[in-house]
PDB file of N, CA and C in Angstrom:
ATOM      1  N   MET A   1      42.706  75.619  59.842  1.00  0.00           N
ATOM      2  CA  MET A   1      42.294  76.944  59.993  1.00  0.00           C
ATOM      3  C   MET A   1      40.926  76.914  60.494  1.00  0.00           C
ATOM      4  N   THR A   2      40.760  77.846  61.499  1.00  0.00           N
ATOM      5  CA  THR A   2      38.945  78.377  61.896  1.00  0.00           C
ATOM      6  C   THR A   2      38.800  79.672  61.902  1.00  0.00           C
ATOM      7  N   SER A   3      37.648  79.270  61.320  1.00  0.00           N
ATOM      8  CA  SER A   3      36.761  80.657  60.702  1.00  0.00           C
ATOM      9  C   SER A   3      36.151  81.163  61.973  1.00  0.00           C
ATOM     10  N   THR A   4      35.522  82.660  61.680  1.00  0.00           N
ATOM     11  CA  THR A   4      35.207  83.427  62.617  1.00  0.00           C
ATOM     12  C   THR A   4      34.127  83.156  63.035  1.00  0.00           C
ATOM     13  N   LYS A   5      33.200  82.279  62.394  1.00  0.00           N
ATOM     14  CA  LYS A   5      31.871  82.131  62.802  1.00  0.00           C
ATOM     15  C   LYS A   5      31.736  80.826  63.664  1.00  0.00           C
ATOM     16  N   GLU A   6      33.055  79.674  63.507  1.00  0.00           N
ATOM     17  CA  GLU A   6      33.220  78.658  64.242  1.00  0.00           C
ATOM     18  C   GLU A   6      33.793  79.296  65.682  1.00  0.00           C
ATOM     19  N   LEU A   7      34.926  80.130  65.517  1.00  0.00           N
ATOM     20  CA  LEU A   7      35.208  80.875  66.962  1.00  0.00           C
ATOM     21  C   LEU A   7      34.608  81.645  67.472  1.00  0.00           C
ATOM     22  N   ASN A   8      33.252  81.932  67.167  1.00  0.00           N
ATOM     23  CA  ASN A   8      32.243  82.805  67.834  1.00  0.00           C
ATOM     24  C   ASN A   8      31.328  81.735  68.301  1.00  0.00           C
ATOM     25  N   GLU A   9      31.459  80.494  68.006  1.00  0.00           N
ATOM     26  CA  GLU A   9      30.334  79.631  68.218  1.00  0.00           C
ATOM     27  C   GLU A   9      31.267  78.885  69.615  1.00  0.00           C
ATOM     28  N   LEU A  10      32.227  78.547  69.335  1.00  0.00           N
ATOM     29  CA  LEU A  10      33.094  78.167  70.773  1.00  0.00           C
ATOM     30  C   LEU A  10      33.440  79.348  71.786  1.00  0.00           C
ATOM     31  N   ILE A  11      33.112  80.745  71.450  1.00  0.00           N
ATOM     32  CA  ILE A  11      32.928  81.405  72.411  1.00  0.00           C
ATOM     33  C   ILE A  11      31.754  81.222  73.139  1.00  0.00           C
ATOM     34  N   ALA A  12      30.385  81.419  72.465  1.00  0.00           N
ATOM     35  CA  ALA A  12      29.391  81.581  72.873  1.00  0.00           C
ATOM     36  C   ALA A  12      29.345  79.928  74.033  1.00  0.00           C
ATOM     37  N   ARG A  13      29.617  78.860  73.337  1.00  0.00           N
ATOM     38  CA  ARG A  13      29.778  77.569  74.156  1.00  0.00           C
ATOM     39  C   ARG A  13      30.488  77.488  75.510  1.00  0.00           C
ATOM     40  N   ILE A  14      31.531  78.121  75.377  1.00  0.00           N
ATOM     41  CA  ILE A  14      32.681  78.638  76.558  1.00  0.00           C
ATOM     42  C   ILE A  14      31.668  79.549  77.859  1.00  0.00           C
ATOM     43  N   LYS A  15      31.302  80.339  76.908  1.00  0.00           N
ATOM     44  CA  LYS A  15      30.663  81.386  77.870  1.00  0.00           C
ATOM     45  C   LYS A  15      29.331  80.661  78.553  1.00  0.00           C
ATOM     46  N   ALA A  16      28.880  80.024  78.082  1.00  0.00           N
ATOM     47  CA  ALA A  16      27.647  78.795  78.541  1.00  0.00           C
ATOM     48  C   ALA A  16      28.215  78.018  79.657  1.00  0.00           C
ATOM     49  N   LYS A  17      29.436  77.727  79.462  1.00  0.00           N
ATOM     50  CA  LYS A  17      29.941  76.845  80.767  1.00  0.00           C
ATOM     51  C   LYS A  17      30.474  77.856  81.752  1.00  0.00           C
ATOM     52  N   GLY A  18      30.445  78.984  81.849  1.00  0.00           N
ATOM     53  CA  GLY A  18      30.673  79.923  83.037  1.00  0.00           C
ATOM     54  C   GLY A  18      31.859  80.449  82.941  1.00  0.00           C
ATOM     55  N   GLY A  19      32.796  80.245  81.465  1.00  0.00           N
ATOM     56  CA  GLY A  19      33.905  80.899  81.144  1.00  0.00           C
ATOM     57  C   GLY A  19      33.692  82.540  80.543  1.00  0.00           C
ATOM     58  N   LYS A  20      35.132  83.400  81.375  1.00  0.00           N
ATOM     59  CA  LYS A  20      35.093  84.730  80.943  1.00  0.00           C
ATOM     60  C   LYS A  20      35.815  84.767  79.664  1.00  0.00           C
ATOM     61  N   VAL A  21      35.409  85.481  78.216  1.00  0.00           N
ATOM     62  CA  VAL A  21      36.225  85.632  77.251  1.00  0.00           C
ATOM     63  C   VAL A  21      36.326  87.244  76.868  1.00  0.00           C
ATOM     64  N   VAL A  22      37.351  87.254  76.851  1.00  0.00           N
ATOM     65  CA  VAL A  22      37.784  88.362  76.465  1.00  0.00           C
ATOM     66  C   VAL A  22      38.386  88.518  74.713  1.00  0.00           C
ATOM     67  N   VAL A  23      37.547  89.378  73.804  1.00  0.00           N
ATOM     68  CA  VAL A  23      38.415  89.086  72.289  1.00  0.00           C
ATOM     69  C   VAL A  23      38.950  90.475  71.677  1.00  0.00           C
ATOM     70  N   GLU A  24      40.241  90.556  71.415  1.00  0.00           N
ATOM     71  CA  GLU A  24      40.529  91.758  70.761  1.00  0.00           C
ATOM     72  C   GLU A  24      40.502  91.525  69.406  1.00  0.00           C
ATOM     73  N   TRP A  25      39.963  92.506  68.638  1.00  0.00           N
ATOM     74  CA  TRP A  25      39.529  92.376  67.187  1.00  0.00           C
ATOM     75  C   TRP A  25      41.047  93.196  66.420  1.00  0.00           C
ATOM     76  N   ASP A  26      40.762  92.611  65.097  1.00  0.00           N
ATOM     77  CA  ASP A  26      42.185  93.401  64.401  1.00  0.00           C
ATOM     78  C   ASP A  26      41.535  94.443  63.825  1.00  0.00           C
ATOM     79  N   ALA A  27      42.117  96.022  64.438  1.00  0.00           N
ATOM     80  CA  ALA A  27      41.124  97.246  63.906  1.00  0.00           C
ATOM     81  C   ALA A  27      41.759  97.349  62.508  1.00  0.00           C
ATOM     82  N   GLU A  28      43.272  97.009  62.050  1.00  0.00           N
ATOM     83  CA  GLU A  28      43.676  97.392  60.502  1.00  0.00           C
ATOM     84  C   GLU A  28      42.714  96.384  59.611  1.00  0.00           C
ATOM     85  N   ALA A  29      42.323  95.256  59.965  1.00  0.00           N
ATOM     86  CA  ALA A  29      41.639  94.701  58.748  1.00  0.00           C
ATOM     87  C   ALA A  29      40.127  94.931  58.624  1.00  0.00           C
ATOM     88  N   GLU A  30      39.533  95.595  60.041  1.00  0.00           N
ATOM     89  CA  GLU A  30      38.109  96.138  59.817  1.00  0.00           C
ATOM     90  C   GLU A  30      38.466  97.472  59.179  1.00  0.00           C
ATOM     91  N   ILE A  31      39.332  98.454  59.133  1.00  0.00           N
ATOM     92  CA  ILE A  31      39.775  99.518  58.420  1.00  0.00           C
ATOM     93  C   ILE A  31      40.018  99.621  57.139  1.00  0.00           C
ATOM     94  N   LEU A  32      40.628  98.540  56.592  1.00  0.00           N
ATOM     95  CA  LEU A  32      41.184  98.385  55.395  1.00  0.00           C
ATOM     96  C   LEU A  32      40.196  97.626  54.721  1.00  0.00           C
ATOM     97  N   GLU A  33      39.803  96.449  55.372  1.00  0.00           N
ATOM     98  CA  GLU A  33      38.983  95.439  54.371  1.00  0.00           C
ATOM     99  C   GLU A  33      37.736  95.127  54.794  1.00  0.00           C
ATOM    100  N   GLY A  34      37.263  95.829  55.887  1.00  0.00           N
ATOM    101  CA  GLY A  34      35.839  95.945  56.222  1.00  0.00           C
ATOM    102  C   GLY A  34      35.235  94.768  56.959  1.00  0.00           C
ATOM    103  N   ARG A  35      36.777  93.612  57.374  1.00  0.00           N
ATOM    104  CA  ARG A  35      36.290  92.389  57.820  1.00  0.00           C
ATOM    105  C   ARG A  35      36.645  92.374  59.488  1.00  0.00           C
ATOM    106  N   LYS A  36      35.768  91.969  59.738  1.00  0.00           N
ATOM    107  CA  LYS A  36      36.036  91.805  61.434  1.00  0.00           C
ATOM    108  C   LYS A  36      36.827  90.143  61.793  1.00  0.00           C
ATOM    109  N   ILE A  37      38.143  90.446  62.302  1.00  0.00           N
ATOM    110  CA  ILE A  37      38.824  89.534  62.754  1.00  0.00           C
ATOM    111  C   ILE A  37      39.745  89.499  64.242  1.00  0.00           C
ATOM    112  N   HIS A  38      39.440  88.011  64.411  1.00  0.00           N
ATOM    113  CA  HIS A  38      39.551  88.387  65.881  1.00  0.00           C
ATOM    114  C   HIS A  38      41.358  88.304  66.064  1.00  0.00           C
ATOM    115  N   LYS A  39      41.981  89.255  66.790  1.00  0.00           N
ATOM    116  CA  LYS A  39      43.482  89.116  66.978  1.00  0.00           C
ATOM    117  C   LYS A  39      43.991  88.132  67.788  1.00  0.00           C
ATOM    118  N   ARG A  40      43.098  88.420  69.120  1.00  0.00           N
ATOM    119  CA  ARG A  40      43.731  87.796  70.147  1.00  0.00           C
ATOM    120  C   ARG A  40      42.454  87.238  71.000  1.00  0.00           C
ATOM    121  N   ILE A  41      42.594  86.224  72.168  1.00  0.00           N
ATOM    122  CA  ILE A  41      41.236  85.951  72.802  1.00  0.00           C
ATOM    123  C   ILE A  41      42.088  85.402  73.972  1.00  0.00           C
ATOM    124  N   THR A  42      41.354  85.745  75.209  1.00  0.00           N
ATOM    125  CA  THR A  42      41.786  85.481  76.513  1.00  0.00           C
ATOM    126  C   THR A  42      40.341  84.518  77.247  1.00  0.00           C
ATOM    127  N   VAL A  43      40.758  83.764  77.636  1.00  0.00           N
ATOM    128  CA  VAL A  43      39.559  83.073  78.631  1.00  0.00           C
ATOM    129  C   VAL A  43      40.055  82.806  79.735  1.00  0.00           C
ATOM    130  N   THR A  44      39.211  83.031  80.693  1.00  0.00           N
ATOM    131  CA  THR A  44      39.617  83.274  82.295  1.00  0.00           C
ATOM    132  C   THR A  44      38.165  82.225  82.648  1.00  0.00           C
ATOM    133  N   ASN A  45      38.289  81.916  84.177  1.00  0.00           N
ATOM    134  CA  ASN A  45      37.446  81.709  84.894  1.00  0.00           C
ATOM    135  C   ASN A  45      36.694  79.918  84.560  1.00  0.00           C
ATOM    136  N   LEU A  46      37.907  79.180  83.847  1.00  0.00           N
ATOM    137  CA  LEU A  46      37.922  77.973  83.993  1.00  0.00           C
ATOM    138  C   LEU A  46      39.028  77.000  84.153  1.00  0.00           C
ATOM    139  N   LYS A  47      38.687  76.210  84.825  1.00  0.00           N
ATOM    140  CA  LYS A  47      39.927  75.056  85.292  1.00  0.00           C
ATOM    141  C   LYS A  47      40.513  74.990  83.948  1.00  0.00           C
ATOM    142  N   GLY A  48      41.967  74.796  84.096  1.00  0.00           N
ATOM    143  CA  GLY A  48      42.782  74.572  82.870  1.00  0.00           C
ATOM    144  C   GLY A  48      43.282  75.119  81.980  1.00  0.00           C
ATOM    145  N   CYS A  49      42.486  76.765  82.130  1.00  0.00           N
ATOM    146  CA  CYS A  49      42.798  77.942  81.363  1.00  0.00           C
ATOM    147  C   CYS A  49      43.235  78.909  81.953  1.00  0.00           C
ATOM    148  N   GLY A  50      44.583  79.550  81.346  1.00  0.00           N
ATOM    149  CA  GLY A  50      45.202  80.665  82.338  1.00  0.00           C
ATOM    150  C   GLY A  50      44.169  82.460  81.684  1.00  0.00           C
ATOM    151  N   SER A  51      44.791  83.163  82.118  1.00  0.00           N
ATOM    152  CA  SER A  51      44.601  84.434  81.760  1.00  0.00           C
ATOM    153  C   SER A  51      45.451  84.794  80.568  1.00  0.00           C
ATOM    154  N   CYS A  52      46.373  84.014  79.792  1.00  0.00           N
ATOM    155  CA  CYS A  52      47.126  84.713  78.896  1.00  0.00           C
ATOM    156  C   CYS A  52      46.346  85.146  77.456  1.00  0.00           C
ATOM    157  N   PRO A  53      46.930  86.119  76.881  1.00  0.00           N
ATOM    158  CA  PRO A  53      46.104  86.035  75.378  1.00  0.00           C
ATOM    159  C   PRO A  53      46.734  84.946  74.750  1.00  0.00           C
ATOM    160  N   MET A  54      45.575  84.386  73.662  1.00  0.00           N
ATOM    161  CA  MET A  54      46.059  83.440  72.847  1.00  0.00           C
ATOM    162  C   MET A  54      45.889  83.908  71.131  1.00  0.00           C
ATOM    163  N   SER A  55      46.367  83.318  70.072  1.00  0.00           N
ATOM    164  CA  SER A  55      46.284  84.084  68.755  1.00  0.00           C
ATOM    165  C   SER A  55      44.763  82.988  68.583  1.00  0.00           C
ATOM    166  N   PRO A  56      43.927  83.422  67.806  1.00  0.00           N
ATOM    167  CA  PRO A  56      42.652  82.739  67.533  1.00  0.00           C
ATOM    168  C   PRO A  56      42.904  81.432  67.079  1.00  0.00           C
ATOM    169  N   VAL A  57      43.698  80.638  66.322  1.00  0.00           N
ATOM    170  CA  VAL A  57      43.814  79.454  66.441  1.00  0.00           C
ATOM    171  C   VAL A  57      44.385  78.483  67.484  1.00  0.00           C
ATOM    172  N   TYR A  58      45.034  78.594  68.123  1.00  0.00           N
ATOM    173  CA  TYR A  58      45.461  78.125  69.967  1.00  0.00           C
ATOM    174  C   TYR A  58      44.421  78.379  70.447  1.00  0.00           C
ATOM    175  N   ALA A  59      43.714  79.251  70.309  1.00  0.00           N
ATOM    176  CA  ALA A  59      42.377  79.937  71.519  1.00  0.00           C
ATOM    177  C   ALA A  59      41.384  78.698  71.166  1.00  0.00           C
ATOM    178  N   ALA A  60      41.069  78.458  69.446  1.00  0.00           N
ATOM    179  CA  ALA A  60      40.230  77.807  69.172  1.00  0.00           C
ATOM    180  C   ALA A  60      40.201  75.632  69.534  1.00  0.00           C
ATOM    181  N   GLU A  61      41.392  75.432  69.800  1.00  0.00           N
ATOM    182  CA  GLU A  61      41.883  74.057  70.005  1.00  0.00           C
ATOM    183  C   GLU A  61      41.830  73.952  71.528  1.00  0.00           C
ATOM    184  N   LYS A  62      42.643  75.410  72.250  1.00  0.00           N
ATOM    185  CA  LYS A  62      41.886  75.217  73.571  1.00  0.00           C
ATOM    186  C   LYS A  62      40.806  75.183  74.327  1.00  0.00           C
ATOM    187  N   MET A  63      39.697  75.899  73.272  1.00  0.00           N
ATOM    188  CA  MET A  63      38.652  75.967  73.959  1.00  0.00           C
ATOM    189  C   MET A  63      37.610  74.402  73.361  1.00  0.00           C
ATOM    190  N   ARG A  64      38.125  74.047  72.527  1.00  0.00           N
ATOM    191  CA  ARG A  64      37.677  72.649  71.855  1.00  0.00           C
ATOM    192  C   ARG A  64      38.220  71.485  73.352  1.00  0.00           C
ATOM    193  N   ASP A  65      39.321  71.707  74.036  1.00  0.00           N
ATOM    194  CA  ASP A  65      39.541  70.863  74.551  1.00  0.00           C
ATOM    195  C   ASP A  65      38.806  71.123  76.023  1.00  0.00           C
ATOM    196  N   LEU A  66      38.822  72.346  76.238  1.00  0.00           N
ATOM    197  CA  LEU A  66      37.759  72.549  77.868  1.00  0.00           C
ATOM    198  C   LEU A  66      36.459  72.606  77.382  1.00  0.00           C
ATOM    199  N   LEU A  67      36.080  71.963  76.373  1.00  0.00           N
ATOM    200  CA  LEU A  67      34.468  72.017  75.911  1.00  0.00           C
ATOM    201  C   LEU A  67      34.450  70.224  76.371  1.00  0.00           C
ATOM    202  N   ALA A  68      35.725  69.716  75.455  1.00  0.00           N
ATOM    203  CA  ALA A  68      35.394  68.152  75.559  1.00  0.00           C
ATOM    204  C   ALA A  68      35.616  67.341  77.098  1.00  0.00           C
ATOM    205  N   ALA A  69      36.495  68.604  77.877  1.00  0.00           N
ATOM    206  CA  ALA A  69      36.716  67.917  78.998  1.00  0.00           C
ATOM    207  C   ALA A  69      35.297  67.432  80.215  1.00  0.00           C
TER     208      ALA A  69
END
């Protein structure tokens, strides 16, 4: 599992590398529970990553791979 903190750190590192990241938040969780949870993440502008929205877990794995390359 990937925490919100870890996802935010990965997103910041991807942005520093020149990537563009769009995050869609789970509005229902925020309204009902008061928590900000990533729903979908899209990473563009980096070789090896397309513009398809990804689940947070898959996005974390993909961002780790991009940062390791």
